[in-house]
């Protein structure tokens, strides 16, 4: 099924109707094949953007949306909110590559019933689709709170100076360059690094650089196409 196709919803008493929204055609095809091979489910439409997804959802009235977070013209959160304005009974599942607490909380706020990573097996996807179509909600406030409790921000106890040093390490600056940038002695920079390493539970400067890099490249709102 191409991203421009839409199939009218069929007998809802016998089929769970699913719509897939993802800007990667290969991903959509893979998910669609898994769903179509499962008894009692059918894919009624696919889309690769927020605008196309909203328009097609109005045409086919799916029971379950499988939504990626990052789309070329917005996010899956945007799409869920817009679809629910006209189809409040639609059930939505976020299927993404981002294991991100902020995204999880935003999905809950937008009314998602489940949050899955793309690394899950096909059987898990269809099990969740079936559960969500039956009215179950697998994502709740307790899930978000519990995850956040287990993912405390390691920088929350850093001083403003230490946070600045952290950012500059992430930019690839040496201790001497950081000292020049901040107008302090190089020994002061080393002291800041020793302190922030202890507070973050890290051992080496290179670990700090890696941590900053991972944060810069993990934003689910900022990098289309994942």
N, C-alpha and C. Protein backbone atom coordinates (compact mmCIF):
# COMPACT_ATOMS: atom_id res chain seq x y z
N UNK A 1 0.84 -1.19 0.00
CA UNK A 1 0.00 0.00 0.00
C UNK A 1 0.88 1.24 0.00
N UNK A 2 0.64 2.15 -0.87
CA UNK A 2 1.46 3.35 -0.97
C UNK A 2 0.99 4.37 0.04
N UNK A 3 1.82 5.40 0.34
CA UNK A 3 1.41 6.41 1.29
C UNK A 3 0.23 7.23 0.83
N UNK A 4 -0.13 7.13 -0.46
CA UNK A 4 -1.25 7.91 -0.96
C UNK A 4 -2.52 7.07 -1.01
N UNK A 5 -2.44 5.82 -0.55
CA UNK A 5 -3.61 4.96 -0.65
C UNK A 5 -4.44 5.01 0.60
N UNK A 6 -5.71 4.73 0.45
CA UNK A 6 -6.62 4.65 1.57
C UNK A 6 -7.73 3.66 1.21
N UNK A 7 -7.98 2.72 2.08
CA UNK A 7 -8.98 1.70 1.82
C UNK A 7 -10.15 1.94 2.75
N UNK A 8 -11.38 2.00 2.23
CA UNK A 8 -12.53 2.21 3.10
C UNK A 8 -12.59 1.14 4.18
N UNK A 9 -12.99 1.54 5.39
CA UNK A 9 -13.10 0.59 6.48
C UNK A 9 -14.14 -0.47 6.16
N UNK A 10 -13.82 -1.72 6.48
CA UNK A 10 -14.73 -2.81 6.18
C UNK A 10 -15.51 -3.19 7.43
N UNK A 11 -15.93 -4.42 7.53
CA UNK A 11 -16.77 -4.89 8.61
C UNK A 11 -16.06 -4.78 9.96
N UNK A 12 -16.41 -3.79 10.74
CA UNK A 12 -15.74 -3.55 12.01
C UNK A 12 -16.05 -4.62 13.05
N UNK A 13 -17.11 -5.39 12.83
CA UNK A 13 -17.46 -6.42 13.81
C UNK A 13 -16.48 -7.58 13.75
N UNK A 14 -15.78 -7.71 12.64
CA UNK A 14 -14.87 -8.83 12.48
C UNK A 14 -13.41 -8.42 12.32
N UNK A 15 -13.18 -7.15 12.05
CA UNK A 15 -11.82 -6.70 11.80
C UNK A 15 -11.49 -5.48 12.66
N UNK A 16 -10.30 -5.49 13.24
CA UNK A 16 -9.78 -4.29 13.90
C UNK A 16 -9.13 -3.47 12.80
N UNK A 17 -9.63 -2.27 12.57
CA UNK A 17 -9.11 -1.45 11.48
C UNK A 17 -7.97 -0.57 11.98
N UNK A 18 -6.84 -0.66 11.28
CA UNK A 18 -5.62 -0.01 11.72
C UNK A 18 -5.12 0.95 10.65
N UNK A 19 -4.66 2.12 11.08
CA UNK A 19 -4.02 3.08 10.17
C UNK A 19 -2.61 3.32 10.66
N UNK A 20 -1.65 3.31 9.73
CA UNK A 20 -0.23 3.46 10.06
C UNK A 20 0.28 4.81 9.55
N UNK A 21 0.87 5.59 10.44
CA UNK A 21 1.43 6.88 10.04
C UNK A 21 2.92 6.89 10.36
N UNK A 22 3.74 6.85 9.33
CA UNK A 22 5.20 6.85 9.47
C UNK A 22 5.77 7.37 8.17
N UNK A 23 6.79 8.22 8.24
CA UNK A 23 7.31 8.80 7.00
C UNK A 23 8.29 7.90 6.28
N UNK A 24 8.60 6.74 6.84
CA UNK A 24 9.45 5.77 6.14
C UNK A 24 8.58 4.68 5.51
N UNK A 25 8.58 4.63 4.19
CA UNK A 25 7.73 3.66 3.51
C UNK A 25 8.09 2.22 3.88
N UNK A 26 9.39 1.95 4.02
CA UNK A 26 9.82 0.59 4.36
C UNK A 26 9.27 0.18 5.73
N UNK A 27 9.30 1.11 6.66
CA UNK A 27 8.77 0.83 8.00
C UNK A 27 7.27 0.58 7.92
N UNK A 28 6.56 1.44 7.20
CA UNK A 28 5.10 1.26 7.05
C UNK A 28 4.78 -0.10 6.45
N UNK A 29 5.52 -0.46 5.42
CA UNK A 29 5.26 -1.73 4.75
C UNK A 29 5.49 -2.90 5.69
N UNK A 30 6.57 -2.82 6.46
CA UNK A 30 6.88 -3.90 7.39
C UNK A 30 5.80 -4.06 8.44
N UNK A 31 5.35 -2.94 9.00
CA UNK A 31 4.30 -3.00 10.02
C UNK A 31 3.00 -3.50 9.40
N UNK A 32 2.68 -2.98 8.20
CA UNK A 32 1.44 -3.39 7.54
C UNK A 32 1.41 -4.89 7.27
N UNK A 33 2.53 -5.44 6.88
CA UNK A 33 2.58 -6.88 6.61
C UNK A 33 2.33 -7.69 7.88
N UNK A 34 2.90 -7.22 8.98
CA UNK A 34 2.68 -7.90 10.26
C UNK A 34 1.21 -7.86 10.64
N UNK A 35 0.60 -6.69 10.49
CA UNK A 35 -0.81 -6.53 10.86
C UNK A 35 -1.71 -7.36 9.95
N UNK A 36 -1.45 -7.30 8.66
CA UNK A 36 -2.30 -8.01 7.70
C UNK A 36 -2.21 -9.53 7.86
N UNK A 37 -1.09 -10.02 8.37
CA UNK A 37 -0.94 -11.47 8.57
C UNK A 37 -1.66 -11.95 9.83
N UNK A 38 -2.14 -11.00 10.63
CA UNK A 38 -2.77 -11.34 11.90
C UNK A 38 -4.28 -11.44 11.73
N UNK A 39 -4.84 -12.54 12.16
CA UNK A 39 -6.29 -12.73 12.06
C UNK A 39 -7.03 -11.63 12.82
N UNK A 40 -8.06 -11.11 12.20
CA UNK A 40 -8.91 -10.14 12.86
C UNK A 40 -8.44 -8.71 12.76
N UNK A 41 -7.41 -8.46 11.95
CA UNK A 41 -6.90 -7.09 11.78
C UNK A 41 -6.73 -6.77 10.31
N UNK A 42 -6.91 -5.51 9.98
CA UNK A 42 -6.64 -5.07 8.61
C UNK A 42 -6.13 -3.63 8.62
N UNK A 43 -5.23 -3.34 7.70
CA UNK A 43 -4.72 -1.97 7.54
C UNK A 43 -5.62 -1.26 6.54
N UNK A 44 -6.26 -0.18 6.98
CA UNK A 44 -7.19 0.53 6.11
C UNK A 44 -6.58 1.75 5.45
N UNK A 45 -5.43 2.21 5.96
CA UNK A 45 -4.77 3.37 5.34
C UNK A 45 -3.35 3.51 5.88
N UNK A 46 -2.54 4.18 5.08
CA UNK A 46 -1.18 4.55 5.48
C UNK A 46 -0.98 6.02 5.14
N UNK A 47 -0.10 6.68 5.87
CA UNK A 47 0.23 8.07 5.57
C UNK A 47 1.66 8.34 6.03
N UNK A 48 2.25 9.38 5.43
CA UNK A 48 3.64 9.70 5.76
C UNK A 48 3.83 11.07 6.36
N UNK A 49 2.72 11.76 6.72
CA UNK A 49 2.83 13.10 7.29
C UNK A 49 1.61 13.37 8.16
N UNK A 50 1.70 14.44 8.94
CA UNK A 50 0.58 14.83 9.80
C UNK A 50 -0.64 15.19 8.95
N UNK A 51 -0.44 16.07 7.97
CA UNK A 51 -1.57 16.55 7.17
C UNK A 51 -2.24 15.41 6.41
N UNK A 52 -1.43 14.54 5.81
CA UNK A 52 -1.99 13.42 5.07
C UNK A 52 -2.69 12.44 6.01
N UNK A 53 -2.09 12.24 7.18
CA UNK A 53 -2.69 11.33 8.15
C UNK A 53 -4.04 11.82 8.64
N UNK A 54 -4.14 13.10 8.95
CA UNK A 54 -5.41 13.66 9.42
C UNK A 54 -6.47 13.53 8.34
N UNK A 55 -6.10 13.84 7.10
CA UNK A 55 -7.06 13.77 6.00
C UNK A 55 -7.54 12.34 5.77
N UNK A 56 -6.63 11.37 5.78
CA UNK A 56 -7.01 9.98 5.52
C UNK A 56 -7.80 9.38 6.68
N UNK A 57 -7.47 9.79 7.88
CA UNK A 57 -8.22 9.29 9.04
C UNK A 57 -9.69 9.70 8.95
N UNK A 58 -9.93 10.89 8.42
CA UNK A 58 -11.31 11.35 8.24
C UNK A 58 -12.06 10.49 7.21
N UNK A 59 -11.32 9.96 6.26
CA UNK A 59 -11.94 9.14 5.20
C UNK A 59 -12.25 7.72 5.66
N UNK A 60 -11.35 7.13 6.45
CA UNK A 60 -11.48 5.70 6.75
C UNK A 60 -11.93 5.39 8.19
N UNK A 61 -11.89 6.38 9.07
CA UNK A 61 -12.32 6.19 10.46
C UNK A 61 -11.73 4.93 11.09
N UNK A 62 -10.40 4.88 11.23
CA UNK A 62 -9.79 3.68 11.80
C UNK A 62 -10.10 3.54 13.29
N UNK A 63 -10.05 2.32 13.78
CA UNK A 63 -10.21 2.11 15.21
C UNK A 63 -8.91 2.40 15.96
N UNK A 64 -7.78 2.04 15.33
CA UNK A 64 -6.48 2.18 15.99
C UNK A 64 -5.50 2.90 15.07
N UNK A 65 -4.82 3.90 15.62
CA UNK A 65 -3.74 4.58 14.91
C UNK A 65 -2.40 4.07 15.43
N UNK A 66 -1.50 3.74 14.52
CA UNK A 66 -0.11 3.44 14.88
C UNK A 66 0.70 4.63 14.38
N UNK A 67 1.23 5.42 15.30
CA UNK A 67 1.78 6.72 14.94
C UNK A 67 3.25 6.85 15.32
N UNK A 68 4.07 7.25 14.35
CA UNK A 68 5.46 7.59 14.65
C UNK A 68 5.48 8.99 15.26
N UNK A 69 6.49 9.29 16.06
CA UNK A 69 6.58 10.61 16.68
C UNK A 69 7.05 11.68 15.72
N UNK A 70 8.03 11.35 14.89
CA UNK A 70 8.62 12.35 14.00
C UNK A 70 8.08 12.24 12.59
N UNK A 71 7.47 13.31 12.14
CA UNK A 71 6.91 13.37 10.79
C UNK A 71 7.39 14.65 10.13
N UNK A 72 7.40 14.71 8.81
CA UNK A 72 8.00 15.85 8.12
C UNK A 72 7.38 17.20 8.45
N UNK A 73 6.09 17.21 8.78
CA UNK A 73 5.39 18.47 9.01
C UNK A 73 4.89 18.62 10.45
N UNK A 74 5.50 17.88 11.36
CA UNK A 74 5.08 17.99 12.75
C UNK A 74 5.42 16.71 13.51
N UNK A 75 4.63 16.41 14.53
CA UNK A 75 4.87 15.21 15.32
C UNK A 75 3.63 14.33 15.38
N UNK A 76 3.84 13.10 15.80
CA UNK A 76 2.71 12.20 16.00
C UNK A 76 1.76 12.72 17.06
N UNK A 77 2.28 13.50 18.00
CA UNK A 77 1.44 14.11 19.03
C UNK A 77 0.46 15.08 18.38
N UNK A 78 0.96 15.89 17.44
CA UNK A 78 0.10 16.82 16.70
C UNK A 78 -1.01 16.06 15.98
N UNK A 79 -0.63 14.98 15.33
CA UNK A 79 -1.60 14.20 14.57
C UNK A 79 -2.68 13.61 15.48
N UNK A 80 -2.27 13.02 16.59
CA UNK A 80 -3.25 12.41 17.50
C UNK A 80 -4.25 13.44 18.00
N UNK A 81 -3.77 14.60 18.37
CA UNK A 81 -4.66 15.64 18.88
C UNK A 81 -5.66 16.09 17.81
N UNK A 82 -5.18 16.24 16.58
CA UNK A 82 -6.08 16.69 15.51
C UNK A 82 -7.12 15.63 15.16
N UNK A 83 -6.69 14.37 15.09
CA UNK A 83 -7.64 13.30 14.76
C UNK A 83 -8.68 13.15 15.86
N UNK A 84 -8.25 13.26 17.11
CA UNK A 84 -9.20 13.08 18.22
C UNK A 84 -10.22 14.21 18.31
N UNK A 85 -9.94 15.34 17.69
CA UNK A 85 -10.92 16.42 17.67
C UNK A 85 -12.18 16.02 16.91
N UNK A 86 -12.01 15.24 15.86
CA UNK A 86 -13.15 14.82 15.05
C UNK A 86 -13.55 13.36 15.30
N UNK A 87 -12.60 12.58 15.84
CA UNK A 87 -12.88 11.17 16.12
C UNK A 87 -12.40 10.83 17.54
N UNK A 88 -13.13 11.29 18.54
CA UNK A 88 -12.68 11.13 19.92
C UNK A 88 -12.55 9.67 20.37
N UNK A 89 -13.21 8.76 19.66
CA UNK A 89 -13.16 7.36 20.06
C UNK A 89 -11.97 6.60 19.47
N UNK A 90 -11.23 7.25 18.57
CA UNK A 90 -10.09 6.55 17.96
C UNK A 90 -9.05 6.24 19.04
N UNK A 91 -8.43 5.09 18.93
CA UNK A 91 -7.41 4.68 19.90
C UNK A 91 -6.04 4.82 19.23
N UNK A 92 -5.08 5.34 19.96
CA UNK A 92 -3.77 5.63 19.35
C UNK A 92 -2.64 4.92 20.09
N UNK A 93 -1.70 4.41 19.30
CA UNK A 93 -0.50 3.78 19.81
C UNK A 93 0.70 4.51 19.21
N UNK A 94 1.59 5.00 20.04
CA UNK A 94 2.83 5.61 19.55
C UNK A 94 3.83 4.49 19.29
N UNK A 95 4.40 4.47 18.10
CA UNK A 95 5.43 3.48 17.73
C UNK A 95 6.63 4.27 17.24
N UNK A 96 7.69 4.29 18.03
CA UNK A 96 8.80 5.20 17.76
C UNK A 96 10.13 4.57 18.11
N UNK A 97 11.20 5.22 17.68
CA UNK A 97 12.54 4.76 18.04
C UNK A 97 13.06 5.50 19.27
N UNK A 98 12.28 6.46 19.80
CA UNK A 98 12.74 7.30 20.90
C UNK A 98 12.24 6.82 22.25
N UNK A 99 13.17 6.34 23.07
CA UNK A 99 12.87 5.95 24.44
C UNK A 99 13.06 7.19 25.30
N UNK A 100 12.09 8.08 25.25
CA UNK A 100 12.24 9.43 25.77
C UNK A 100 11.10 9.74 26.74
N UNK A 101 11.43 10.14 27.97
CA UNK A 101 10.41 10.40 28.99
C UNK A 101 9.51 11.57 28.62
N UNK A 102 10.07 12.62 28.03
CA UNK A 102 9.26 13.76 27.63
C UNK A 102 8.26 13.36 26.55
N UNK A 103 8.71 12.55 25.61
CA UNK A 103 7.82 12.07 24.56
C UNK A 103 6.73 11.19 25.14
N UNK A 104 7.11 10.35 26.09
CA UNK A 104 6.14 9.48 26.75
C UNK A 104 5.06 10.30 27.43
N UNK A 105 5.46 11.34 28.15
CA UNK A 105 4.51 12.20 28.84
C UNK A 105 3.61 12.94 27.84
N UNK A 106 4.20 13.40 26.73
CA UNK A 106 3.42 14.11 25.72
C UNK A 106 2.41 13.16 25.07
N UNK A 107 2.81 11.90 24.86
CA UNK A 107 1.90 10.91 24.28
C UNK A 107 0.73 10.66 25.21
N UNK A 108 1.00 10.56 26.50
CA UNK A 108 -0.07 10.38 27.48
C UNK A 108 -1.02 11.56 27.46
N UNK A 109 -0.47 12.77 27.42
CA UNK A 109 -1.28 13.98 27.41
C UNK A 109 -2.17 14.06 26.17
N UNK A 110 -1.66 13.52 25.05
CA UNK A 110 -2.42 13.55 23.80
C UNK A 110 -3.44 12.43 23.71
N UNK A 111 -3.46 11.56 24.72
CA UNK A 111 -4.47 10.50 24.73
C UNK A 111 -4.03 9.17 24.17
N UNK A 112 -2.71 8.97 24.00
CA UNK A 112 -2.23 7.68 23.50
C UNK A 112 -2.54 6.59 24.52
N UNK A 113 -2.88 5.41 24.02
CA UNK A 113 -3.20 4.29 24.90
C UNK A 113 -2.00 3.40 25.15
N UNK A 114 -0.97 3.54 24.31
CA UNK A 114 0.23 2.71 24.46
C UNK A 114 1.42 3.41 23.81
N UNK A 115 2.63 3.02 24.22
CA UNK A 115 3.86 3.61 23.71
C UNK A 115 4.84 2.47 23.47
N UNK A 116 5.16 2.23 22.20
CA UNK A 116 6.03 1.11 21.84
C UNK A 116 7.28 1.61 21.13
N UNK A 117 8.39 0.91 21.35
CA UNK A 117 9.61 1.19 20.60
C UNK A 117 9.64 0.30 19.36
N UNK A 118 10.27 0.80 18.31
CA UNK A 118 10.31 0.06 17.05
C UNK A 118 11.15 -1.21 17.14
N UNK A 119 11.84 -1.39 18.24
CA UNK A 119 12.63 -2.60 18.42
C UNK A 119 11.77 -3.79 18.87
N UNK A 120 10.49 -3.55 19.13
CA UNK A 120 9.64 -4.65 19.60
C UNK A 120 9.39 -5.66 18.47
N UNK A 121 9.04 -6.86 18.86
CA UNK A 121 8.73 -7.90 17.87
C UNK A 121 7.33 -7.66 17.29
N UNK A 122 7.12 -8.19 16.10
CA UNK A 122 5.84 -8.02 15.43
C UNK A 122 4.67 -8.54 16.26
N UNK A 123 4.87 -9.67 16.93
CA UNK A 123 3.79 -10.25 17.74
C UNK A 123 3.40 -9.32 18.88
N UNK A 124 4.38 -8.58 19.42
CA UNK A 124 4.08 -7.64 20.50
C UNK A 124 3.22 -6.49 19.98
N UNK A 125 3.53 -6.02 18.77
CA UNK A 125 2.74 -4.94 18.19
C UNK A 125 1.28 -5.36 18.04
N UNK A 126 1.06 -6.53 17.49
CA UNK A 126 -0.34 -6.96 17.27
C UNK A 126 -1.04 -7.27 18.59
N UNK A 127 -0.31 -7.76 19.58
CA UNK A 127 -0.92 -7.98 20.90
C UNK A 127 -1.39 -6.66 21.49
N UNK A 128 -0.56 -5.63 21.34
CA UNK A 128 -0.92 -4.32 21.89
C UNK A 128 -2.08 -3.72 21.09
N UNK A 129 -2.08 -3.87 19.77
CA UNK A 129 -3.19 -3.39 18.96
C UNK A 129 -4.50 -4.02 19.43
N UNK A 130 -4.47 -5.33 19.64
CA UNK A 130 -5.68 -6.03 20.07
C UNK A 130 -6.14 -5.53 21.44
N UNK A 131 -5.20 -5.34 22.36
CA UNK A 131 -5.55 -4.88 23.70
C UNK A 131 -6.12 -3.46 23.67
N UNK A 132 -5.49 -2.59 22.89
CA UNK A 132 -5.94 -1.21 22.79
C UNK A 132 -7.30 -1.13 22.11
N UNK A 133 -7.50 -1.92 21.07
CA UNK A 133 -8.80 -1.93 20.38
C UNK A 133 -9.91 -2.41 21.30
N UNK A 134 -9.56 -3.25 22.28
CA UNK A 134 -10.54 -3.77 23.23
C UNK A 134 -10.81 -2.78 24.36
N UNK A 135 -10.13 -1.63 24.32
CA UNK A 135 -10.40 -0.61 25.31
C UNK A 135 -9.38 -0.48 26.42
N UNK A 136 -8.34 -1.30 26.37
CA UNK A 136 -7.33 -1.22 27.41
C UNK A 136 -6.37 -0.06 27.17
N UNK A 137 -5.87 0.52 28.25
CA UNK A 137 -4.86 1.57 28.17
C UNK A 137 -3.60 1.07 28.84
N UNK A 138 -2.51 1.00 28.09
CA UNK A 138 -1.26 0.46 28.59
C UNK A 138 -0.28 1.55 28.98
N UNK A 139 -0.72 2.80 28.84
CA UNK A 139 0.12 3.94 29.19
C UNK A 139 -0.68 4.82 30.15
N UNK A 140 -0.16 5.02 31.35
CA UNK A 140 -0.86 5.85 32.32
C UNK A 140 0.14 6.72 33.08
N UNK A 141 -0.39 7.58 33.95
CA UNK A 141 0.46 8.52 34.68
C UNK A 141 1.47 7.80 35.55
N UNK A 142 1.08 6.64 36.08
CA UNK A 142 2.01 5.90 36.94
C UNK A 142 3.22 5.40 36.14
N UNK A 143 2.97 5.01 34.89
CA UNK A 143 4.07 4.56 34.03
C UNK A 143 5.09 5.68 33.82
N UNK A 144 4.58 6.87 33.50
CA UNK A 144 5.46 8.02 33.26
C UNK A 144 6.22 8.39 34.53
N UNK A 145 5.52 8.44 35.66
CA UNK A 145 6.15 8.80 36.92
C UNK A 145 7.22 7.79 37.31
N UNK A 146 6.90 6.51 37.12
CA UNK A 146 7.85 5.45 37.48
C UNK A 146 9.09 5.53 36.61
N UNK A 147 8.92 5.78 35.33
CA UNK A 147 10.07 5.87 34.42
C UNK A 147 10.93 7.07 34.80
N UNK A 148 10.29 8.19 35.09
CA UNK A 148 11.06 9.39 35.42
C UNK A 148 11.84 9.19 36.71
N UNK A 149 11.26 8.46 37.63
CA UNK A 149 11.95 8.19 38.89
C UNK A 149 13.21 7.37 38.65
N UNK A 150 13.17 6.56 37.61
CA UNK A 150 14.33 5.73 37.29
C UNK A 150 15.27 6.38 36.30
N UNK A 151 14.93 7.58 35.84
CA UNK A 151 15.77 8.30 34.87
C UNK A 151 16.00 9.74 35.35
N UNK A 152 16.51 9.86 36.56
CA UNK A 152 16.77 11.19 37.10
C UNK A 152 17.81 11.90 36.24
N UNK A 153 17.66 13.22 36.12
CA UNK A 153 18.61 14.02 35.36
C UNK A 153 19.93 14.07 36.12
N UNK A 154 21.01 13.52 35.58
CA UNK A 154 22.29 13.50 36.29
C UNK A 154 22.92 14.87 36.45
N UNK A 155 22.35 15.87 35.75
CA UNK A 155 22.93 17.22 35.85
C UNK A 155 22.18 18.11 36.82
N UNK A 156 21.15 17.59 37.49
CA UNK A 156 20.28 18.46 38.28
C UNK A 156 21.00 19.13 39.46
N UNK A 157 22.10 18.54 39.92
CA UNK A 157 22.81 19.12 41.06
C UNK A 157 24.04 19.94 40.66
N UNK A 158 24.23 20.12 39.35
CA UNK A 158 25.39 20.89 38.90
C UNK A 158 25.16 22.38 39.10
N UNK A 159 26.24 23.09 39.42
CA UNK A 159 26.16 24.54 39.55
C UNK A 159 26.11 25.16 38.14
N UNK A 160 25.71 26.43 38.03
CA UNK A 160 25.70 27.09 36.72
C UNK A 160 27.07 27.03 36.02
N UNK A 161 28.14 27.19 36.79
CA UNK A 161 29.48 27.13 36.20
C UNK A 161 29.78 25.73 35.67
N UNK A 162 29.40 24.72 36.44
CA UNK A 162 29.63 23.34 36.01
C UNK A 162 28.81 23.00 34.78
N UNK A 163 27.59 23.53 34.70
CA UNK A 163 26.76 23.29 33.52
C UNK A 163 27.38 23.93 32.28
N UNK A 164 27.97 25.10 32.46
CA UNK A 164 28.62 25.79 31.34
C UNK A 164 29.83 24.97 30.87
N UNK A 165 30.61 24.46 31.81
CA UNK A 165 31.76 23.62 31.47
C UNK A 165 31.28 22.36 30.75
N UNK A 166 30.20 21.79 31.23
CA UNK A 166 29.62 20.59 30.60
C UNK A 166 29.30 20.85 29.14
N UNK A 167 28.63 21.96 28.87
CA UNK A 167 28.27 22.30 27.49
C UNK A 167 29.51 22.48 26.61
N UNK A 168 30.52 23.13 27.15
CA UNK A 168 31.73 23.39 26.37
C UNK A 168 32.53 22.11 26.11
N UNK A 169 32.50 21.18 27.07
CA UNK A 169 33.11 19.87 26.81
C UNK A 169 32.38 19.20 25.65
N UNK A 170 31.06 19.31 25.67
CA UNK A 170 30.26 18.74 24.59
C UNK A 170 30.55 19.37 23.24
N UNK A 171 30.98 20.63 23.26
CA UNK A 171 31.34 21.33 22.02
C UNK A 171 32.73 20.96 21.53
N UNK A 172 33.44 20.14 22.32
CA UNK A 172 34.76 19.67 21.90
C UNK A 172 35.93 20.54 22.35
N UNK A 173 35.69 21.49 23.24
CA UNK A 173 36.77 22.37 23.68
C UNK A 173 37.67 21.66 24.70
N UNK A 174 38.95 21.99 24.66
CA UNK A 174 39.90 21.46 25.64
C UNK A 174 39.77 22.24 26.94
N UNK A 175 40.41 21.76 27.99
CA UNK A 175 40.37 22.48 29.26
C UNK A 175 40.92 23.90 29.12
N UNK A 176 41.99 24.02 28.36
CA UNK A 176 42.59 25.34 28.17
C UNK A 176 41.63 26.27 27.42
N UNK A 177 40.99 25.74 26.38
CA UNK A 177 40.04 26.55 25.61
C UNK A 177 38.84 26.95 26.46
N UNK A 178 38.39 26.03 27.31
CA UNK A 178 37.27 26.34 28.20
C UNK A 178 37.67 27.45 29.17
N UNK A 179 38.89 27.37 29.72
CA UNK A 179 39.38 28.38 30.65
C UNK A 179 39.41 29.75 29.97
N UNK A 180 39.89 29.78 28.71
CA UNK A 180 39.94 31.05 27.97
C UNK A 180 38.53 31.58 27.70
N UNK A 181 37.63 30.68 27.34
CA UNK A 181 36.25 31.09 27.04
C UNK A 181 35.56 31.67 28.28
N UNK A 182 35.82 31.07 29.44
CA UNK A 182 35.15 31.52 30.66
C UNK A 182 35.93 32.58 31.43
N UNK A 183 37.17 32.78 31.01
CA UNK A 183 37.99 33.78 31.68
C UNK A 183 38.41 33.36 33.08
N UNK A 184 38.69 32.06 33.22
CA UNK A 184 39.14 31.54 34.53
C UNK A 184 40.43 30.76 34.33
N UNK A 185 41.04 30.37 35.45
CA UNK A 185 42.27 29.58 35.37
C UNK A 185 41.95 28.15 34.94
N UNK A 186 42.92 27.53 34.24
CA UNK A 186 42.71 26.16 33.80
C UNK A 186 42.48 25.22 34.98
N UNK A 187 43.13 25.51 36.11
CA UNK A 187 42.94 24.69 37.31
C UNK A 187 41.49 24.76 37.79
N UNK A 188 40.87 25.92 37.62
CA UNK A 188 39.46 26.07 38.01
C UNK A 188 38.57 25.18 37.15
N UNK A 189 38.89 25.12 35.87
CA UNK A 189 38.13 24.25 34.96
C UNK A 189 38.28 22.80 35.39
N UNK A 190 39.52 22.41 35.72
CA UNK A 190 39.76 21.02 36.15
C UNK A 190 38.97 20.70 37.42
N UNK A 191 38.89 21.68 38.32
CA UNK A 191 38.12 21.48 39.54
C UNK A 191 36.63 21.30 39.24
N UNK A 192 36.13 22.11 38.30
CA UNK A 192 34.73 21.99 37.89
C UNK A 192 34.47 20.60 37.30
N UNK A 193 35.39 20.12 36.48
CA UNK A 193 35.22 18.82 35.83
C UNK A 193 35.25 17.70 36.87
N UNK A 194 36.17 17.79 37.83
CA UNK A 194 36.23 16.79 38.89
C UNK A 194 34.90 16.73 39.65
N UNK A 195 34.36 17.92 39.93
CA UNK A 195 33.10 18.00 40.67
C UNK A 195 31.92 17.45 39.87
N UNK A 196 31.83 17.85 38.60
CA UNK A 196 30.67 17.41 37.80
C UNK A 196 30.75 15.91 37.50
N UNK A 197 31.95 15.36 37.36
CA UNK A 197 32.09 13.92 37.17
C UNK A 197 31.52 13.17 38.38
N UNK A 198 31.86 13.66 39.56
CA UNK A 198 31.39 13.01 40.78
C UNK A 198 29.87 13.10 40.89
N UNK A 199 29.32 14.27 40.58
CA UNK A 199 27.87 14.47 40.70
C UNK A 199 27.10 13.66 39.66
N UNK A 200 27.69 13.46 38.47
CA UNK A 200 27.00 12.73 37.40
C UNK A 200 27.26 11.23 37.45
N UNK A 201 28.16 10.81 38.35
CA UNK A 201 28.45 9.40 38.46
C UNK A 201 29.31 8.88 37.31
N UNK A 202 30.12 9.78 36.74
CA UNK A 202 31.00 9.40 35.63
C UNK A 202 32.44 9.40 36.11
N UNK A 203 33.32 8.83 35.29
CA UNK A 203 34.72 8.71 35.70
C UNK A 203 35.69 9.49 34.82
N UNK A 204 35.30 9.69 33.55
CA UNK A 204 36.24 10.31 32.62
C UNK A 204 35.58 11.45 31.84
N UNK A 205 36.44 12.35 31.42
CA UNK A 205 35.99 13.49 30.62
C UNK A 205 35.30 13.03 29.34
N UNK A 206 35.83 11.96 28.73
CA UNK A 206 35.26 11.46 27.47
C UNK A 206 33.82 10.98 27.67
N UNK A 207 33.51 10.49 28.88
CA UNK A 207 32.14 10.06 29.15
C UNK A 207 31.19 11.26 29.18
N UNK A 208 31.71 12.38 29.67
CA UNK A 208 30.91 13.61 29.68
C UNK A 208 30.59 14.03 28.25
N UNK A 209 31.62 14.04 27.40
CA UNK A 209 31.42 14.43 26.00
C UNK A 209 30.41 13.51 25.32
N UNK A 210 30.50 12.21 25.59
CA UNK A 210 29.58 11.24 24.99
C UNK A 210 28.16 11.48 25.48
N UNK A 211 28.01 11.80 26.77
CA UNK A 211 26.68 12.03 27.34
C UNK A 211 26.04 13.26 26.69
N UNK A 212 26.81 14.34 26.56
CA UNK A 212 26.28 15.56 25.94
C UNK A 212 25.88 15.29 24.49
N UNK A 213 26.71 14.55 23.77
CA UNK A 213 26.42 14.23 22.37
C UNK A 213 25.14 13.42 22.25
N UNK A 214 24.94 12.48 23.16
CA UNK A 214 23.74 11.64 23.10
C UNK A 214 22.49 12.46 23.36
N UNK A 215 22.58 13.45 24.24
CA UNK A 215 21.43 14.31 24.52
C UNK A 215 21.11 15.20 23.33
N UNK A 216 22.15 15.70 22.67
CA UNK A 216 21.93 16.59 21.53
C UNK A 216 21.27 15.88 20.37
N UNK A 217 21.48 14.56 20.26
CA UNK A 217 20.97 13.83 19.11
C UNK A 217 19.80 12.93 19.44
N UNK A 218 19.17 13.15 20.61
CA UNK A 218 18.06 12.28 20.98
C UNK A 218 16.72 12.99 21.03
N UNK A 219 16.69 14.27 20.67
CA UNK A 219 15.44 15.00 20.75
C UNK A 219 14.42 14.52 19.72
N UNK A 220 13.30 14.02 20.20
CA UNK A 220 12.30 13.47 19.28
C UNK A 220 11.57 14.54 18.52
N UNK A 221 11.58 15.79 18.98
CA UNK A 221 10.89 16.86 18.26
C UNK A 221 11.75 17.48 17.18
N UNK A 222 13.09 17.28 17.27
CA UNK A 222 14.00 18.11 16.47
C UNK A 222 14.52 17.45 15.20
N UNK A 223 14.45 16.14 15.10
CA UNK A 223 15.11 15.47 13.98
C UNK A 223 14.14 14.64 13.16
N UNK A 224 13.53 15.21 12.13
CA UNK A 224 12.58 14.47 11.32
C UNK A 224 13.18 13.21 10.74
N UNK A 225 12.33 12.23 10.58
CA UNK A 225 12.75 11.03 9.85
C UNK A 225 13.13 9.84 10.68
N UNK A 226 12.76 9.81 11.99
CA UNK A 226 13.10 8.67 12.83
C UNK A 226 11.86 8.00 13.35
